[in-house]
Amino acid sequence: MAQHHTLGAATHGAAIISLPGENSELGALWRRYDARPVRLLRTREGRALSLERYLRAGEFMGSLTFGTADDTAYFFYSAGIVAQLAMSSHLLDVGFPDMWCAKYIGLHVDRSLAYANATAFGYEDAATDRLMAVLSPYWKWNSLSRAQGIEPDDGGFASDEVCEIIVRLVDHVAEVTGHARPTRRAARS
């Protein structure tokens, strides 16, 4: 079973204001991804947007159905969307501006996880890291990319394993942000 560390959510009324130095984990990520450093400041607006993203992740969880081999690309594309919505919930909650995330993270769920873990997300899990690398950038899994002959490697992940990883990730976001877990609909039979 995968091992991960859990850290509690920051106090919701507390502001996190930081512009880490060059030697910090966050500073290293900014250099690695050629991103502009940003001051993290928790705001009510960021918190509200964080909740909205978390709820959207819950809505998209229903798209993680897997019927046939033809559904593989859609399934992985959906997994990328859910992961990105969930992790952006954490990033917005700790003070990353939405426009900054769009510009410097985009559809790279592996970057989202790296930035999240550099900001007290506390989710170190090898299978999750590997899946995020397989999904990134998740546009490569959409139908247009497939129509253009792009055939990404699924990394050997089985659909049930992907679902389990994504569910644990979304649950962890709820734990760290303090957002209430959405009610999951029963799977179709």
N, C-alpha and C. Protein backbone atom coordinates (compact mmCIF):
# COMPACT_ATOMS: atom_id res chain seq x y z
N MET A 1 0.84 -1.18 0.00
CA MET A 1 0.00 0.00 0.00
C MET A 1 0.89 1.24 0.00
N ALA A 2 0.43 2.28 -0.69
CA ALA A 2 1.20 3.50 -0.82
C ALA A 2 1.30 4.21 0.52
N GLN A 3 2.41 4.84 0.72
CA GLN A 3 2.63 5.60 1.95
C GLN A 3 2.58 7.08 1.61
N HIS A 4 1.91 7.85 2.43
CA HIS A 4 1.94 9.29 2.27
C HIS A 4 1.81 9.94 3.64
N HIS A 5 2.27 11.15 3.71
CA HIS A 5 2.26 11.88 4.96
C HIS A 5 1.14 12.90 4.89
N THR A 6 0.50 13.12 5.99
CA THR A 6 -0.61 14.04 6.04
C THR A 6 -0.30 15.16 7.01
N LEU A 7 -0.52 16.36 6.55
CA LEU A 7 -0.39 17.53 7.41
C LEU A 7 -1.76 18.17 7.50
N GLY A 8 -2.11 18.69 8.63
CA GLY A 8 -3.40 19.33 8.79
C GLY A 8 -3.47 20.64 8.04
N ALA A 9 -4.67 21.13 7.87
CA ALA A 9 -4.90 22.40 7.18
C ALA A 9 -4.45 23.55 8.06
N ALA A 10 -4.01 24.61 7.41
CA ALA A 10 -3.66 25.82 8.14
C ALA A 10 -4.94 26.43 8.69
N THR A 11 -4.84 27.19 9.73
CA THR A 11 -5.99 27.86 10.26
C THR A 11 -6.58 28.76 9.19
N HIS A 12 -7.88 28.66 8.97
CA HIS A 12 -8.50 29.35 7.84
C HIS A 12 -8.43 30.86 7.93
N GLY A 13 -8.36 31.42 9.10
CA GLY A 13 -8.28 32.86 9.22
C GLY A 13 -6.86 33.39 9.11
N ALA A 14 -5.89 32.51 9.18
CA ALA A 14 -4.50 32.94 9.16
C ALA A 14 -4.03 33.21 7.74
N ALA A 15 -3.27 34.24 7.58
CA ALA A 15 -2.70 34.54 6.26
C ALA A 15 -1.32 33.92 6.18
N ILE A 16 -1.04 33.33 5.06
CA ILE A 16 0.30 32.82 4.79
C ILE A 16 0.91 33.82 3.83
N ILE A 17 1.92 34.51 4.29
CA ILE A 17 2.57 35.50 3.44
C ILE A 17 4.03 35.09 3.35
N SER A 18 4.43 34.74 2.15
CA SER A 18 5.82 34.35 2.02
C SER A 18 6.31 34.61 0.62
N LEU A 19 7.54 34.92 0.52
CA LEU A 19 8.26 34.99 -0.74
C LEU A 19 9.57 34.30 -0.44
N PRO A 20 9.57 32.96 -0.54
CA PRO A 20 10.74 32.19 -0.14
C PRO A 20 12.00 32.60 -0.88
N GLY A 21 13.11 32.38 -0.21
CA GLY A 21 14.39 32.70 -0.80
C GLY A 21 14.79 31.72 -1.88
N GLU A 22 15.85 32.03 -2.53
CA GLU A 22 16.38 31.21 -3.63
C GLU A 22 16.66 29.77 -3.22
N ASN A 23 16.99 29.54 -1.94
CA ASN A 23 17.36 28.20 -1.50
C ASN A 23 16.19 27.37 -0.99
N SER A 24 14.98 27.91 -1.07
CA SER A 24 13.82 27.17 -0.59
C SER A 24 13.35 26.16 -1.64
N GLU A 25 12.51 25.23 -1.21
CA GLU A 25 11.93 24.26 -2.14
C GLU A 25 11.10 24.97 -3.21
N LEU A 26 10.36 25.99 -2.79
CA LEU A 26 9.55 26.75 -3.73
C LEU A 26 10.44 27.53 -4.70
N GLY A 27 11.50 28.10 -4.18
CA GLY A 27 12.45 28.81 -5.05
C GLY A 27 13.06 27.89 -6.09
N ALA A 28 13.37 26.67 -5.69
CA ALA A 28 13.92 25.69 -6.64
C ALA A 28 12.91 25.36 -7.73
N LEU A 29 11.63 25.26 -7.36
CA LEU A 29 10.60 24.97 -8.37
C LEU A 29 10.44 26.14 -9.34
N TRP A 30 10.48 27.36 -8.81
CA TRP A 30 10.37 28.52 -9.70
C TRP A 30 11.50 28.51 -10.73
N ARG A 31 12.70 28.17 -10.29
CA ARG A 31 13.83 28.09 -11.23
C ARG A 31 13.64 26.93 -12.20
N ARG A 32 13.26 25.79 -11.69
CA ARG A 32 13.10 24.59 -12.53
C ARG A 32 12.09 24.82 -13.65
N TYR A 33 10.98 25.47 -13.33
CA TYR A 33 9.91 25.67 -14.31
C TYR A 33 9.91 27.07 -14.92
N ASP A 34 10.98 27.83 -14.67
CA ASP A 34 11.11 29.18 -15.21
C ASP A 34 9.87 30.02 -14.92
N ALA A 35 9.46 30.00 -13.67
CA ALA A 35 8.25 30.71 -13.25
C ALA A 35 8.61 31.95 -12.45
N ARG A 36 7.79 32.96 -12.55
CA ARG A 36 7.98 34.19 -11.79
C ARG A 36 7.62 33.92 -10.33
N PRO A 37 8.52 34.23 -9.39
CA PRO A 37 8.19 34.08 -7.97
C PRO A 37 6.97 34.92 -7.62
N VAL A 38 6.18 34.43 -6.72
CA VAL A 38 4.96 35.11 -6.32
C VAL A 38 4.84 35.08 -4.80
N ARG A 39 4.33 36.15 -4.25
CA ARG A 39 4.08 36.22 -2.81
C ARG A 39 2.76 35.49 -2.53
N LEU A 40 2.81 34.55 -1.61
CA LEU A 40 1.60 33.81 -1.26
C LEU A 40 0.86 34.54 -0.16
N LEU A 41 -0.41 34.81 -0.41
CA LEU A 41 -1.24 35.51 0.55
C LEU A 41 -2.63 34.89 0.52
N ARG A 42 -3.02 34.32 1.64
CA ARG A 42 -4.37 33.73 1.73
C ARG A 42 -5.40 34.84 1.81
N THR A 43 -6.43 34.70 0.99
CA THR A 43 -7.51 35.69 0.96
C THR A 43 -8.86 34.98 0.96
N ARG A 44 -9.89 35.73 1.27
CA ARG A 44 -11.25 35.17 1.21
C ARG A 44 -11.59 34.78 -0.23
N GLU A 45 -11.16 35.61 -1.18
CA GLU A 45 -11.44 35.33 -2.59
C GLU A 45 -10.74 34.04 -3.02
N GLY A 46 -9.50 33.88 -2.61
CA GLY A 46 -8.76 32.65 -2.93
C GLY A 46 -9.40 31.44 -2.29
N ARG A 47 -9.88 31.62 -1.07
CA ARG A 47 -10.55 30.52 -0.36
C ARG A 47 -11.84 30.12 -1.08
N ALA A 48 -12.61 31.11 -1.53
CA ALA A 48 -13.86 30.83 -2.24
C ALA A 48 -13.58 30.13 -3.57
N LEU A 49 -12.56 30.58 -4.29
CA LEU A 49 -12.19 29.94 -5.55
C LEU A 49 -11.66 28.54 -5.31
N SER A 50 -10.95 28.37 -4.22
CA SER A 50 -10.45 27.05 -3.84
C SER A 50 -11.61 26.07 -3.64
N LEU A 51 -12.62 26.51 -2.92
CA LEU A 51 -13.79 25.65 -2.69
C LEU A 51 -14.48 25.32 -4.01
N GLU A 52 -14.61 26.32 -4.87
CA GLU A 52 -15.24 26.11 -6.18
C GLU A 52 -14.48 25.04 -6.98
N ARG A 53 -13.16 25.12 -7.00
CA ARG A 53 -12.36 24.13 -7.72
C ARG A 53 -12.50 22.75 -7.11
N TYR A 54 -12.53 22.71 -5.79
CA TYR A 54 -12.68 21.42 -5.14
C TYR A 54 -14.02 20.77 -5.49
N LEU A 55 -15.07 21.56 -5.48
CA LEU A 55 -16.39 21.03 -5.82
C LEU A 55 -16.44 20.58 -7.29
N ARG A 56 -15.78 21.32 -8.18
CA ARG A 56 -15.71 20.92 -9.59
C ARG A 56 -14.96 19.59 -9.73
N ALA A 57 -13.92 19.41 -8.94
CA ALA A 57 -13.20 18.12 -8.98
C ALA A 57 -14.15 17.00 -8.62
N GLY A 58 -14.98 17.21 -7.61
CA GLY A 58 -15.97 16.21 -7.22
C GLY A 58 -16.96 15.93 -8.33
N GLU A 59 -17.37 16.97 -9.04
CA GLU A 59 -18.30 16.78 -10.16
C GLU A 59 -17.66 15.94 -11.27
N PHE A 60 -16.40 16.21 -11.55
CA PHE A 60 -15.70 15.49 -12.62
C PHE A 60 -15.34 14.05 -12.24
N MET A 61 -15.42 13.72 -10.95
CA MET A 61 -15.12 12.34 -10.53
C MET A 61 -16.02 11.34 -11.26
N GLY A 62 -17.23 11.75 -11.58
CA GLY A 62 -18.14 10.87 -12.30
C GLY A 62 -17.67 10.51 -13.69
N SER A 63 -16.74 11.29 -14.25
CA SER A 63 -16.23 11.00 -15.59
C SER A 63 -15.16 9.91 -15.57
N LEU A 64 -14.80 9.44 -14.38
CA LEU A 64 -13.79 8.39 -14.28
C LEU A 64 -14.43 7.02 -14.41
N THR A 65 -15.10 6.84 -15.50
CA THR A 65 -15.66 5.53 -15.83
C THR A 65 -14.83 4.96 -16.96
N PHE A 66 -14.74 3.68 -17.00
CA PHE A 66 -13.87 3.04 -17.98
C PHE A 66 -14.62 1.83 -18.53
N GLY A 67 -15.01 1.93 -19.80
CA GLY A 67 -15.78 0.85 -20.38
C GLY A 67 -15.00 -0.04 -21.31
N THR A 68 -14.37 0.54 -22.31
CA THR A 68 -13.66 -0.24 -23.32
C THR A 68 -12.29 0.36 -23.57
N ALA A 69 -11.52 -0.33 -24.38
CA ALA A 69 -10.18 0.17 -24.72
C ALA A 69 -10.28 1.53 -25.42
N ASP A 70 -11.38 1.77 -26.14
CA ASP A 70 -11.56 3.06 -26.81
C ASP A 70 -11.73 4.21 -25.82
N ASP A 71 -12.07 3.89 -24.58
CA ASP A 71 -12.28 4.90 -23.55
C ASP A 71 -11.00 5.27 -22.81
N THR A 72 -9.90 4.61 -23.10
CA THR A 72 -8.66 4.83 -22.37
C THR A 72 -8.24 6.29 -22.37
N ALA A 73 -8.20 6.90 -23.54
CA ALA A 73 -7.75 8.29 -23.62
C ALA A 73 -8.66 9.21 -22.82
N TYR A 74 -9.97 9.05 -22.96
CA TYR A 74 -10.92 9.88 -22.23
C TYR A 74 -10.77 9.68 -20.73
N PHE A 75 -10.58 8.46 -20.32
CA PHE A 75 -10.40 8.13 -18.92
C PHE A 75 -9.18 8.85 -18.34
N PHE A 76 -8.04 8.79 -19.03
CA PHE A 76 -6.83 9.45 -18.54
C PHE A 76 -6.97 10.97 -18.61
N TYR A 77 -7.63 11.47 -19.64
CA TYR A 77 -7.89 12.91 -19.74
C TYR A 77 -8.73 13.37 -18.55
N SER A 78 -9.78 12.62 -18.24
CA SER A 78 -10.64 12.93 -17.10
C SER A 78 -9.87 12.87 -15.79
N ALA A 79 -9.01 11.88 -15.63
CA ALA A 79 -8.19 11.78 -14.42
C ALA A 79 -7.31 13.02 -14.26
N GLY A 80 -6.76 13.51 -15.37
CA GLY A 80 -5.94 14.72 -15.33
C GLY A 80 -6.74 15.93 -14.91
N ILE A 81 -7.97 16.04 -15.42
CA ILE A 81 -8.83 17.16 -15.05
C ILE A 81 -9.15 17.12 -13.56
N VAL A 82 -9.53 15.97 -13.06
CA VAL A 82 -9.88 15.84 -11.63
C VAL A 82 -8.66 16.19 -10.77
N ALA A 83 -7.51 15.63 -11.11
CA ALA A 83 -6.30 15.90 -10.33
C ALA A 83 -5.97 17.39 -10.34
N GLN A 84 -6.06 18.02 -11.51
CA GLN A 84 -5.70 19.43 -11.61
C GLN A 84 -6.68 20.30 -10.83
N LEU A 85 -7.97 20.03 -10.94
CA LEU A 85 -8.95 20.80 -10.17
C LEU A 85 -8.70 20.65 -8.68
N ALA A 86 -8.44 19.43 -8.23
CA ALA A 86 -8.22 19.19 -6.80
C ALA A 86 -6.97 19.89 -6.30
N MET A 87 -5.87 19.71 -7.01
CA MET A 87 -4.62 20.32 -6.51
C MET A 87 -4.64 21.84 -6.65
N SER A 88 -5.33 22.36 -7.68
CA SER A 88 -5.42 23.82 -7.77
C SER A 88 -6.24 24.37 -6.61
N SER A 89 -7.16 23.57 -6.08
CA SER A 89 -7.90 23.97 -4.89
C SER A 89 -6.93 24.28 -3.75
N HIS A 90 -5.96 23.38 -3.54
CA HIS A 90 -4.96 23.63 -2.49
C HIS A 90 -4.12 24.86 -2.82
N LEU A 91 -3.65 24.95 -4.06
CA LEU A 91 -2.77 26.06 -4.44
C LEU A 91 -3.47 27.41 -4.26
N LEU A 92 -4.72 27.50 -4.67
CA LEU A 92 -5.48 28.74 -4.49
C LEU A 92 -5.70 29.02 -3.01
N ASP A 93 -5.92 27.99 -2.24
CA ASP A 93 -6.15 28.14 -0.80
C ASP A 93 -4.94 28.71 -0.08
N VAL A 94 -3.74 28.31 -0.50
CA VAL A 94 -2.54 28.81 0.18
C VAL A 94 -2.05 30.14 -0.39
N GLY A 95 -2.72 30.64 -1.44
CA GLY A 95 -2.40 31.99 -1.89
C GLY A 95 -1.83 32.14 -3.28
N PHE A 96 -1.70 31.07 -4.04
CA PHE A 96 -1.26 31.25 -5.42
C PHE A 96 -2.37 31.94 -6.20
N PRO A 97 -2.05 32.97 -6.98
CA PRO A 97 -3.07 33.60 -7.82
C PRO A 97 -3.47 32.66 -8.96
N ASP A 98 -4.75 32.67 -9.30
CA ASP A 98 -5.27 31.80 -10.35
C ASP A 98 -4.56 32.05 -11.69
N MET A 99 -4.35 33.30 -12.03
CA MET A 99 -3.69 33.61 -13.31
C MET A 99 -2.24 33.11 -13.32
N TRP A 100 -1.57 33.16 -12.19
CA TRP A 100 -0.21 32.64 -12.10
C TRP A 100 -0.23 31.13 -12.37
N CYS A 101 -1.18 30.43 -11.75
CA CYS A 101 -1.29 28.98 -11.95
C CYS A 101 -1.56 28.66 -13.41
N ALA A 102 -2.45 29.42 -14.04
CA ALA A 102 -2.76 29.17 -15.45
C ALA A 102 -1.52 29.36 -16.32
N LYS A 103 -0.72 30.37 -16.03
CA LYS A 103 0.46 30.67 -16.85
C LYS A 103 1.61 29.71 -16.59
N TYR A 104 1.89 29.40 -15.33
CA TYR A 104 3.11 28.66 -15.01
C TYR A 104 2.89 27.17 -14.71
N ILE A 105 1.66 26.76 -14.49
CA ILE A 105 1.38 25.35 -14.26
C ILE A 105 0.58 24.78 -15.42
N GLY A 106 -0.43 25.50 -15.84
CA GLY A 106 -1.23 25.06 -16.98
C GLY A 106 -1.84 23.68 -16.74
N LEU A 107 -1.63 22.78 -17.67
CA LEU A 107 -2.21 21.43 -17.61
C LEU A 107 -1.21 20.39 -17.10
N HIS A 108 -0.17 20.84 -16.45
CA HIS A 108 0.88 19.96 -15.93
C HIS A 108 0.57 19.56 -14.49
N VAL A 109 -0.13 18.45 -14.33
CA VAL A 109 -0.50 18.02 -12.97
C VAL A 109 0.71 17.63 -12.14
N ASP A 110 1.79 17.25 -12.79
CA ASP A 110 3.02 16.96 -12.04
C ASP A 110 3.56 18.23 -11.38
N ARG A 111 3.47 19.35 -12.07
CA ARG A 111 3.89 20.63 -11.48
C ARG A 111 2.96 21.02 -10.33
N SER A 112 1.66 20.81 -10.52
CA SER A 112 0.71 21.13 -9.45
C SER A 112 1.07 20.38 -8.18
N LEU A 113 1.37 19.09 -8.33
CA LEU A 113 1.73 18.29 -7.16
C LEU A 113 3.03 18.79 -6.54
N ALA A 114 4.00 19.14 -7.35
CA ALA A 114 5.27 19.65 -6.82
C ALA A 114 5.07 20.95 -6.05
N TYR A 115 4.33 21.90 -6.65
CA TYR A 115 4.06 23.16 -5.95
C TYR A 115 3.22 22.94 -4.70
N ALA A 116 2.26 22.03 -4.77
CA ALA A 116 1.43 21.74 -3.60
C ALA A 116 2.30 21.20 -2.47
N ASN A 117 3.16 20.24 -2.78
CA ASN A 117 4.00 19.65 -1.74
C ASN A 117 5.00 20.66 -1.19
N ALA A 118 5.38 21.65 -1.97
CA ALA A 118 6.30 22.69 -1.48
C ALA A 118 5.57 23.69 -0.58
N THR A 119 4.24 23.57 -0.53
CA THR A 119 3.44 24.50 0.29
C THR A 119 2.55 23.75 1.27
N ALA A 120 3.15 22.79 1.97
CA ALA A 120 2.52 22.08 3.09
C ALA A 120 1.37 21.16 2.70
N PHE A 121 1.33 20.68 1.46
CA PHE A 121 0.30 19.72 1.06
C PHE A 121 0.58 18.37 1.70
N GLY A 122 1.87 18.01 1.78
CA GLY A 122 2.26 16.81 2.51
C GLY A 122 1.79 15.51 1.90
N TYR A 123 1.94 15.36 0.60
CA TYR A 123 1.47 14.13 -0.04
C TYR A 123 2.60 13.54 -0.88
N GLU A 124 3.45 12.84 -0.21
CA GLU A 124 4.58 12.18 -0.86
C GLU A 124 4.20 10.73 -1.11
N ASP A 125 3.95 10.38 -2.36
CA ASP A 125 3.51 9.04 -2.71
C ASP A 125 4.06 8.71 -4.10
N ALA A 126 4.85 7.67 -4.20
CA ALA A 126 5.52 7.33 -5.46
C ALA A 126 4.54 7.02 -6.58
N ALA A 127 3.46 6.29 -6.28
CA ALA A 127 2.48 5.95 -7.34
C ALA A 127 1.79 7.22 -7.84
N THR A 128 1.47 8.13 -6.94
CA THR A 128 0.83 9.39 -7.34
C THR A 128 1.79 10.21 -8.18
N ASP A 129 3.05 10.31 -7.77
CA ASP A 129 4.06 11.03 -8.55
C ASP A 129 4.16 10.46 -9.95
N ARG A 130 4.19 9.14 -10.04
CA ARG A 130 4.32 8.47 -11.33
C ARG A 130 3.09 8.71 -12.21
N LEU A 131 1.90 8.63 -11.61
CA LEU A 131 0.68 8.89 -12.38
C LEU A 131 0.64 10.33 -12.87
N MET A 132 1.02 11.28 -12.03
CA MET A 132 1.00 12.69 -12.46
C MET A 132 1.95 12.91 -13.63
N ALA A 133 3.08 12.21 -13.64
CA ALA A 133 4.01 12.31 -14.77
C ALA A 133 3.38 11.72 -16.03
N VAL A 134 2.66 10.62 -15.90
CA VAL A 134 1.98 10.00 -17.04
C VAL A 134 0.89 10.92 -17.59
N LEU A 135 0.18 11.59 -16.72
CA LEU A 135 -0.93 12.45 -17.14
C LEU A 135 -0.47 13.79 -17.73
N SER A 136 0.72 14.24 -17.38
CA SER A 136 1.17 15.59 -17.73
C SER A 136 1.79 15.70 -19.12
N PRO A 137 1.47 16.79 -19.80
CA PRO A 137 0.29 17.63 -19.62
C PRO A 137 -0.95 16.86 -20.07
N TYR A 138 -2.04 17.05 -19.39
CA TYR A 138 -3.16 16.16 -19.67
C TYR A 138 -3.87 16.44 -20.99
N TRP A 139 -3.56 17.52 -21.70
CA TRP A 139 -4.13 17.75 -23.03
C TRP A 139 -3.77 16.62 -23.98
N LYS A 140 -2.63 15.96 -23.74
CA LYS A 140 -2.19 14.91 -24.67
C LYS A 140 -3.15 13.74 -24.71
N TRP A 141 -4.06 13.67 -23.73
CA TRP A 141 -5.03 12.57 -23.66
C TRP A 141 -6.36 12.93 -24.31
N ASN A 142 -6.56 14.18 -24.76
CA ASN A 142 -7.86 14.55 -25.30
C ASN A 142 -8.06 14.00 -26.71
N SER A 143 -9.29 14.03 -27.19
CA SER A 143 -9.61 13.41 -28.48
C SER A 143 -8.93 14.10 -29.65
N LEU A 144 -8.71 15.41 -29.59
CA LEU A 144 -8.02 16.11 -30.67
C LEU A 144 -6.58 15.62 -30.80
N SER A 145 -5.90 15.46 -29.68
CA SER A 145 -4.53 14.95 -29.71
C SER A 145 -4.49 13.54 -30.27
N ARG A 146 -5.42 12.74 -29.85
CA ARG A 146 -5.49 11.35 -30.35
C ARG A 146 -5.76 11.34 -31.85
N ALA A 147 -6.63 12.25 -32.33
CA ALA A 147 -6.94 12.34 -33.76
C ALA A 147 -5.71 12.75 -34.56
N GLN A 148 -4.79 13.46 -33.91
CA GLN A 148 -3.56 13.90 -34.57
C GLN A 148 -2.45 12.85 -34.46
N GLY A 149 -2.79 11.68 -33.94
CA GLY A 149 -1.83 10.59 -33.87
C GLY A 149 -0.99 10.54 -32.62
N ILE A 150 -1.27 11.41 -31.64
CA ILE A 150 -0.52 11.38 -30.38
C ILE A 150 -1.04 10.20 -29.57
N GLU A 151 -0.14 9.31 -29.21
CA GLU A 151 -0.51 8.12 -28.43
C GLU A 151 0.34 8.06 -27.17
N PRO A 152 -0.13 8.74 -26.11
CA PRO A 152 0.66 8.76 -24.88
C PRO A 152 0.71 7.39 -24.21
N ASP A 153 1.75 7.20 -23.43
CA ASP A 153 1.96 5.95 -22.70
C ASP A 153 1.19 6.01 -21.39
N ASP A 154 0.41 4.97 -21.11
CA ASP A 154 -0.38 4.95 -19.87
C ASP A 154 0.43 4.52 -18.65
N GLY A 155 1.71 4.28 -18.84
CA GLY A 155 2.58 3.94 -17.72
C GLY A 155 2.27 2.61 -17.06
N GLY A 156 1.41 1.81 -17.69
CA GLY A 156 1.05 0.52 -17.12
C GLY A 156 0.00 0.59 -16.04
N PHE A 157 -0.62 1.75 -15.87
CA PHE A 157 -1.64 1.91 -14.83
C PHE A 157 -2.94 1.24 -15.27
N ALA A 158 -3.53 0.47 -14.37
CA ALA A 158 -4.85 -0.10 -14.58
C ALA A 158 -5.88 0.94 -14.16
N SER A 159 -7.07 0.89 -14.74
CA SER A 159 -8.10 1.89 -14.45
C SER A 159 -8.46 1.94 -12.97
N ASP A 160 -8.57 0.79 -12.32
CA ASP A 160 -8.93 0.80 -10.90
C ASP A 160 -7.83 1.43 -10.06
N GLU A 161 -6.58 1.24 -10.45
CA GLU A 161 -5.46 1.86 -9.74
C GLU A 161 -5.49 3.37 -9.90
N VAL A 162 -5.77 3.85 -11.11
CA VAL A 162 -5.87 5.29 -11.35
C VAL A 162 -6.99 5.87 -10.50
N CYS A 163 -8.15 5.23 -10.51
CA CYS A 163 -9.28 5.72 -9.70
C CYS A 163 -8.91 5.79 -8.24
N GLU A 164 -8.26 4.76 -7.73
CA GLU A 164 -7.88 4.74 -6.32
C GLU A 164 -6.93 5.89 -5.99
N ILE A 165 -5.96 6.14 -6.85
CA ILE A 165 -4.99 7.22 -6.63
C ILE A 165 -5.70 8.58 -6.65
N ILE A 166 -6.58 8.77 -7.62
CA ILE A 166 -7.28 10.06 -7.74
C ILE A 166 -8.22 10.28 -6.56
N VAL A 167 -8.94 9.26 -6.14
CA VAL A 167 -9.84 9.39 -4.99
C VAL A 167 -9.04 9.75 -3.74
N ARG A 168 -7.90 9.07 -3.52
CA ARG A 168 -7.07 9.39 -2.34
C ARG A 168 -6.56 10.83 -2.41
N LEU A 169 -6.19 11.27 -3.61
CA LEU A 169 -5.68 12.63 -3.80
C LEU A 169 -6.77 13.66 -3.48
N VAL A 170 -7.96 13.45 -4.01
CA VAL A 170 -9.08 14.37 -3.76
C VAL A 170 -9.44 14.37 -2.28
N ASP A 171 -9.45 13.21 -1.66
CA ASP A 171 -9.72 13.13 -0.22
C ASP A 171 -8.66 13.88 0.58
N HIS A 172 -7.41 13.79 0.15
CA HIS A 172 -6.34 14.49 0.85
C HIS A 172 -6.52 16.01 0.72
N VAL A 173 -6.94 16.47 -0.44
CA VAL A 173 -7.20 17.90 -0.62
C VAL A 173 -8.26 18.35 0.39
N ALA A 174 -9.30 17.57 0.56
CA ALA A 174 -10.35 17.92 1.53
C ALA A 174 -9.76 18.00 2.93
N GLU A 175 -8.91 17.06 3.27
CA GLU A 175 -8.31 17.04 4.60
C GLU A 175 -7.42 18.26 4.82
N VAL A 176 -6.61 18.61 3.83
CA VAL A 176 -5.67 19.71 3.98
C VAL A 176 -6.35 21.07 3.93
N THR A 177 -7.33 21.22 3.03
CA THR A 177 -8.00 22.52 2.90
C THR A 177 -9.13 22.70 3.91
N GLY A 178 -9.67 21.58 4.39
CA GLY A 178 -10.82 21.67 5.28
C GLY A 178 -12.14 21.76 4.54
N HIS A 179 -12.11 21.64 3.20
CA HIS A 179 -13.35 21.65 2.43
C HIS A 179 -14.13 20.37 2.70
N ALA A 180 -15.45 20.49 2.77
CA ALA A 180 -16.30 19.32 2.99
C ALA A 180 -16.26 18.44 1.74
N ARG A 181 -16.13 17.14 1.98
CA ARG A 181 -16.10 16.19 0.86
C ARG A 181 -17.46 16.16 0.19
N PRO A 182 -17.45 16.24 -1.16
CA PRO A 182 -18.74 16.16 -1.86
C PRO A 182 -19.30 14.75 -1.75
N THR A 183 -20.61 14.65 -1.82
CA THR A 183 -21.25 13.34 -1.81
C THR A 183 -21.00 12.70 -3.15
N ARG A 184 -20.46 11.48 -3.12
CA ARG A 184 -20.17 10.77 -4.37
C ARG A 184 -21.38 10.00 -4.80
N ARG A 185 -21.65 10.08 -6.10
CA ARG A 185 -22.75 9.29 -6.66
C ARG A 185 -22.31 7.84 -6.78
N ALA A 186 -23.26 6.96 -6.68
CA ALA A 186 -22.97 5.54 -6.85
C ALA A 186 -22.55 5.29 -8.30
N ALA A 187 -21.62 4.39 -8.48
CA ALA A 187 -21.14 4.05 -9.82
C ALA A 187 -22.26 3.38 -10.60
N ARG A 188 -22.29 3.69 -11.89
CA ARG A 188 -23.27 3.04 -12.76
C ARG A 188 -22.90 1.60 -12.98
N SER A 189 -23.93 0.74 -13.08
CA SER A 189 -23.65 -0.65 -13.33
C SER A 189 -24.02 -1.05 -14.74
